[in-house]
């Protein structure tokens, strides 16, 4: 049951179903975020792109190459970096929201146990 329905139902019980819902700022926007999960990529040039987890078909991790390959229904995304095994499991559980590409020269500044992505390649699958 949605929040909006619950509020309206409460107002109906109070015999005032015509009052406005608090917090509704603009008619072009939903009052709250949806429950879909998206995965956003921040590329080195600052470009942003996101994909919905529901279109993720498969994900593979190659430890020797330091590479994760994500196959979506329309694109393939390759992540190259170090210590990516933890990121692979986070992707499997759909808990990662944003993956940022960092420059290799900053690898020493990253925590030793954290995954570091230094290359993100987005390839559109041919129709």
C-alpha atoms as a PDB file:
ATOM      1  CA  UNK A   1       0.000   0.000   0.000  1.00  0.00           C
ATOM      2  CA  UNK A   2       1.428   3.375  -0.943  1.00  0.00           C
ATOM      3  CA  UNK A   3       1.980   6.230   1.512  1.00  0.00           C
ATOM      4  CA  UNK A   4      -0.363   8.434  -0.516  1.00  0.00           C
ATOM      5  CA  UNK A   5      -3.173   5.865  -0.261  1.00  0.00           C
ATOM      6  CA  UNK A   6      -2.692   5.485   3.482  1.00  0.00           C
ATOM      7  CA  UNK A   7      -2.814   9.255   4.001  1.00  0.00           C
ATOM      8  CA  UNK A   8      -5.932   9.546   1.833  1.00  0.00           C
ATOM      9  CA  UNK A   9      -7.564   6.631   3.634  1.00  0.00           C
ATOM     10  CA  UNK A  10      -6.900   8.300   6.994  1.00  0.00           C
ATOM     11  CA  UNK A  11      -8.409  11.537   5.665  1.00  0.00           C
ATOM     12  CA  UNK A  12     -11.400   9.593   4.372  1.00  0.00           C
ATOM     13  CA  UNK A  13     -11.946   8.165   7.830  1.00  0.00           C
ATOM     14  CA  UNK A  14     -11.755  11.711   9.204  1.00  0.00           C
ATOM     15  CA  UNK A  15     -14.317  12.731   6.546  1.00  0.00           C
ATOM     16  CA  UNK A  16     -11.924  15.084   4.697  1.00  0.00           C
ATOM     17  CA  UNK A  17     -10.610  13.273   1.575  1.00  0.00           C
ATOM     18  CA  UNK A  18     -10.198  16.508  -0.441  1.00  0.00           C
ATOM     19  CA  UNK A  19      -7.361  18.086   1.516  1.00  0.00           C
ATOM     20  CA  UNK A  20      -3.924  18.306  -0.155  1.00  0.00           C
ATOM     21  CA  UNK A  21      -1.157  15.854   0.651  1.00  0.00           C
ATOM     22  CA  UNK A  22       1.637  17.538   2.601  1.00  0.00           C
ATOM     23  CA  UNK A  23       5.052  17.512   0.977  1.00  0.00           C
ATOM     24  CA  UNK A  24       3.792  17.454  -2.614  1.00  0.00           C
ATOM     25  CA  UNK A  25       5.897  20.275  -4.014  1.00  0.00           C
ATOM     26  CA  UNK A  26       5.572  20.041  -7.772  1.00  0.00           C
ATOM     27  CA  UNK A  27       3.123  18.104  -9.982  1.00  0.00           C
ATOM     28  CA  UNK A  28       5.950  17.037 -12.345  1.00  0.00           C
ATOM     29  CA  UNK A  29       7.696  15.016  -9.623  1.00  0.00           C
ATOM     30  CA  UNK A  30       6.675  12.039  -7.545  1.00  0.00           C
ATOM     31  CA  UNK A  31       6.481  12.775  -3.811  1.00  0.00           C
ATOM     32  CA  UNK A  32       9.009  10.032  -3.006  1.00  0.00           C
ATOM     33  CA  UNK A  33      11.535   7.904  -4.839  1.00  0.00           C
ATOM     34  CA  UNK A  34      10.549   4.579  -6.348  1.00  0.00           C
ATOM     35  CA  UNK A  35      11.569   1.175  -5.155  1.00  0.00           C
ATOM     36  CA  UNK A  36      13.543   0.224  -8.262  1.00  0.00           C
ATOM     37  CA  UNK A  37      17.269  -0.242  -7.932  1.00  0.00           C
ATOM     38  CA  UNK A  38      19.612   1.477 -10.337  1.00  0.00           C
ATOM     39  CA  UNK A  39      23.357   1.281 -10.816  1.00  0.00           C
ATOM     40  CA  UNK A  40      25.067   4.549 -11.785  1.00  0.00           C
ATOM     41  CA  UNK A  41      28.511   4.916 -13.338  1.00  0.00           C
ATOM     42  CA  UNK A  42      30.620   8.061 -13.049  1.00  0.00           C
ATOM     43  CA  UNK A  43      33.034   8.041 -15.974  1.00  0.00           C
ATOM     44  CA  UNK A  44      36.455   9.778 -15.898  1.00  0.00           C
ATOM     45  CA  UNK A  45      35.213  12.704 -18.006  1.00  0.00           C
ATOM     46  CA  UNK A  46      32.365  13.342 -15.550  1.00  0.00           C
ATOM     47  CA  UNK A  47      29.706  11.728 -17.738  1.00  0.00           C
ATOM     48  CA  UNK A  48      27.022   9.875 -15.784  1.00  0.00           C
ATOM     49  CA  UNK A  49      25.043   6.848 -16.901  1.00  0.00           C
ATOM     50  CA  UNK A  50      22.774   4.524 -14.980  1.00  0.00           C
ATOM     51  CA  UNK A  51      21.173   1.170 -15.639  1.00  0.00           C
ATOM     52  CA  UNK A  52      18.334  -0.568 -13.877  1.00  0.00           C
ATOM     53  CA  UNK A  53      19.387  -3.727 -12.040  1.00  0.00           C
ATOM     54  CA  UNK A  54      16.391  -5.557 -13.514  1.00  0.00           C
ATOM     55  CA  UNK A  55      18.084  -5.430 -16.951  1.00  0.00           C
ATOM     56  CA  UNK A  56      21.324  -6.965 -15.659  1.00  0.00           C
ATOM     57  CA  UNK A  57      21.579 -10.386 -17.285  1.00  0.00           C
ATOM     58  CA  UNK A  58      24.908 -11.636 -15.994  1.00  0.00           C
ATOM     59  CA  UNK A  59      28.022 -10.453 -14.215  1.00  0.00           C
ATOM     60  CA  UNK A  60      31.441 -12.099 -14.233  1.00  0.00           C
ATOM     61  CA  UNK A  61      34.633 -11.410 -12.326  1.00  0.00           C
ATOM     62  CA  UNK A  62      38.098 -12.250 -13.665  1.00  0.00           C
ATOM     63  CA  UNK A  63      40.537 -11.857 -10.786  1.00  0.00           C
ATOM     64  CA  UNK A  64      43.686 -12.367 -12.865  1.00  0.00           C
ATOM     65  CA  UNK A  65      42.714  -9.506 -15.213  1.00  0.00           C
ATOM     66  CA  UNK A  66      41.190  -7.362 -12.445  1.00  0.00           C
ATOM     67  CA  UNK A  67      37.993  -7.037 -14.450  1.00  0.00           C
ATOM     68  CA  UNK A  68      34.235  -7.243 -13.874  1.00  0.00           C
ATOM     69  CA  UNK A  69      31.970  -7.591 -16.913  1.00  0.00           C
ATOM     70  CA  UNK A  70      28.315  -6.650 -16.570  1.00  0.00           C
ATOM     71  CA  UNK A  71      25.939  -7.599 -19.359  1.00  0.00           C
ATOM     72  CA  UNK A  72      22.718  -5.631 -19.481  1.00  0.00           C
ATOM     73  CA  UNK A  73      20.056  -6.217 -22.117  1.00  0.00           C
ATOM     74  CA  UNK A  74      21.253  -3.226 -24.194  1.00  0.00           C
ATOM     75  CA  UNK A  75      24.832  -2.563 -23.032  1.00  0.00           C
ATOM     76  CA  UNK A  76      27.940  -4.264 -21.749  1.00  0.00           C
ATOM     77  CA  UNK A  77      29.921  -2.528 -19.011  1.00  0.00           C
ATOM     78  CA  UNK A  78      33.513  -3.451 -18.204  1.00  0.00           C
ATOM     79  CA  UNK A  79      35.099  -2.379 -14.933  1.00  0.00           C
ATOM     80  CA  UNK A  80      38.831  -2.621 -14.465  1.00  0.00           C
ATOM     81  CA  UNK A  81      40.523  -2.081 -11.151  1.00  0.00           C
ATOM     82  CA  UNK A  82      41.901  -3.793  -8.107  1.00  0.00           C
ATOM     83  CA  UNK A  83      40.341  -5.705  -5.223  1.00  0.00           C
ATOM     84  CA  UNK A  84      37.084  -6.014  -7.195  1.00  0.00           C
ATOM     85  CA  UNK A  85      35.871  -9.243  -5.585  1.00  0.00           C
ATOM     86  CA  UNK A  86      33.987  -7.364  -2.862  1.00  0.00           C
ATOM     87  CA  UNK A  87      32.358  -5.158  -5.522  1.00  0.00           C
ATOM     88  CA  UNK A  88      31.329  -8.282  -7.466  1.00  0.00           C
ATOM     89  CA  UNK A  89      29.443  -9.630  -4.444  1.00  0.00           C
ATOM     90  CA  UNK A  90      27.864  -6.222  -3.791  1.00  0.00           C
ATOM     91  CA  UNK A  91      26.646  -6.166  -7.406  1.00  0.00           C
ATOM     92  CA  UNK A  92      25.260  -9.667  -6.948  1.00  0.00           C
ATOM     93  CA  UNK A  93      23.276  -8.482  -3.913  1.00  0.00           C
ATOM     94  CA  UNK A  94      22.232  -5.269  -5.749  1.00  0.00           C
ATOM     95  CA  UNK A  95      23.521  -3.034  -2.954  1.00  0.00           C
ATOM     96  CA  UNK A  96      25.891  -0.833  -4.972  1.00  0.00           C
ATOM     97  CA  UNK A  97      24.353   2.449  -6.179  1.00  0.00           C
ATOM     98  CA  UNK A  98      27.293   4.321  -7.696  1.00  0.00           C
ATOM     99  CA  UNK A  99      30.607   3.172  -9.159  1.00  0.00           C
ATOM    100  CA  UNK A 100      33.128   5.964  -9.657  1.00  0.00           C
ATOM    101  CA  UNK A 101      36.144   5.782 -11.887  1.00  0.00           C
ATOM    102  CA  UNK A 102      39.299   6.989 -10.147  1.00  0.00           C
ATOM    103  CA  UNK A 103      42.702   7.748 -11.551  1.00  0.00           C
ATOM    104  CA  UNK A 104      45.354   5.053 -11.000  1.00  0.00           C
ATOM    105  CA  UNK A 105      47.690   7.586  -9.426  1.00  0.00           C
ATOM    106  CA  UNK A 106      45.349   7.850  -6.423  1.00  0.00           C
ATOM    107  CA  UNK A 107      45.418   4.108  -5.643  1.00  0.00           C
ATOM    108  CA  UNK A 108      47.747   4.666  -2.692  1.00  0.00           C
ATOM    109  CA  UNK A 109      45.188   6.967  -1.058  1.00  0.00           C
ATOM    110  CA  UNK A 110      42.351   4.431  -1.178  1.00  0.00           C
ATOM    111  CA  UNK A 111      41.812   2.170   1.810  1.00  0.00           C
ATOM    112  CA  UNK A 112      43.643  -1.100   1.275  1.00  0.00           C
ATOM    113  CA  UNK A 113      40.555  -3.336   1.533  1.00  0.00           C
ATOM    114  CA  UNK A 114      38.296  -1.173  -0.658  1.00  0.00           C
ATOM    115  CA  UNK A 115      37.702  -1.969  -4.325  1.00  0.00           C
ATOM    116  CA  UNK A 116      39.116   0.614  -6.730  1.00  0.00           C
ATOM    117  CA  UNK A 117      37.804   1.090 -10.261  1.00  0.00           C
ATOM    118  CA  UNK A 118      40.146   2.935 -12.591  1.00  0.00           C
ATOM    119  CA  UNK A 119      38.491   2.162 -15.931  1.00  0.00           C
ATOM    120  CA  UNK A 120      34.820   1.955 -16.925  1.00  0.00           C
ATOM    121  CA  UNK A 121      33.930   1.042 -20.495  1.00  0.00           C
ATOM    122  CA  UNK A 122      30.280   1.187 -21.626  1.00  0.00           C
ATOM    123  CA  UNK A 123      29.554  -0.587 -24.918  1.00  0.00           C
ATOM    124  CA  UNK A 124      26.167  -0.501 -26.635  1.00  0.00           C
ATOM    125  CA  UNK A 125      25.112  -3.891 -27.967  1.00  0.00           C
ATOM    126  CA  UNK A 126      24.285  -3.786 -31.682  1.00  0.00           C
ATOM    127  CA  UNK A 127      20.592  -4.108 -32.541  1.00  0.00           C
END
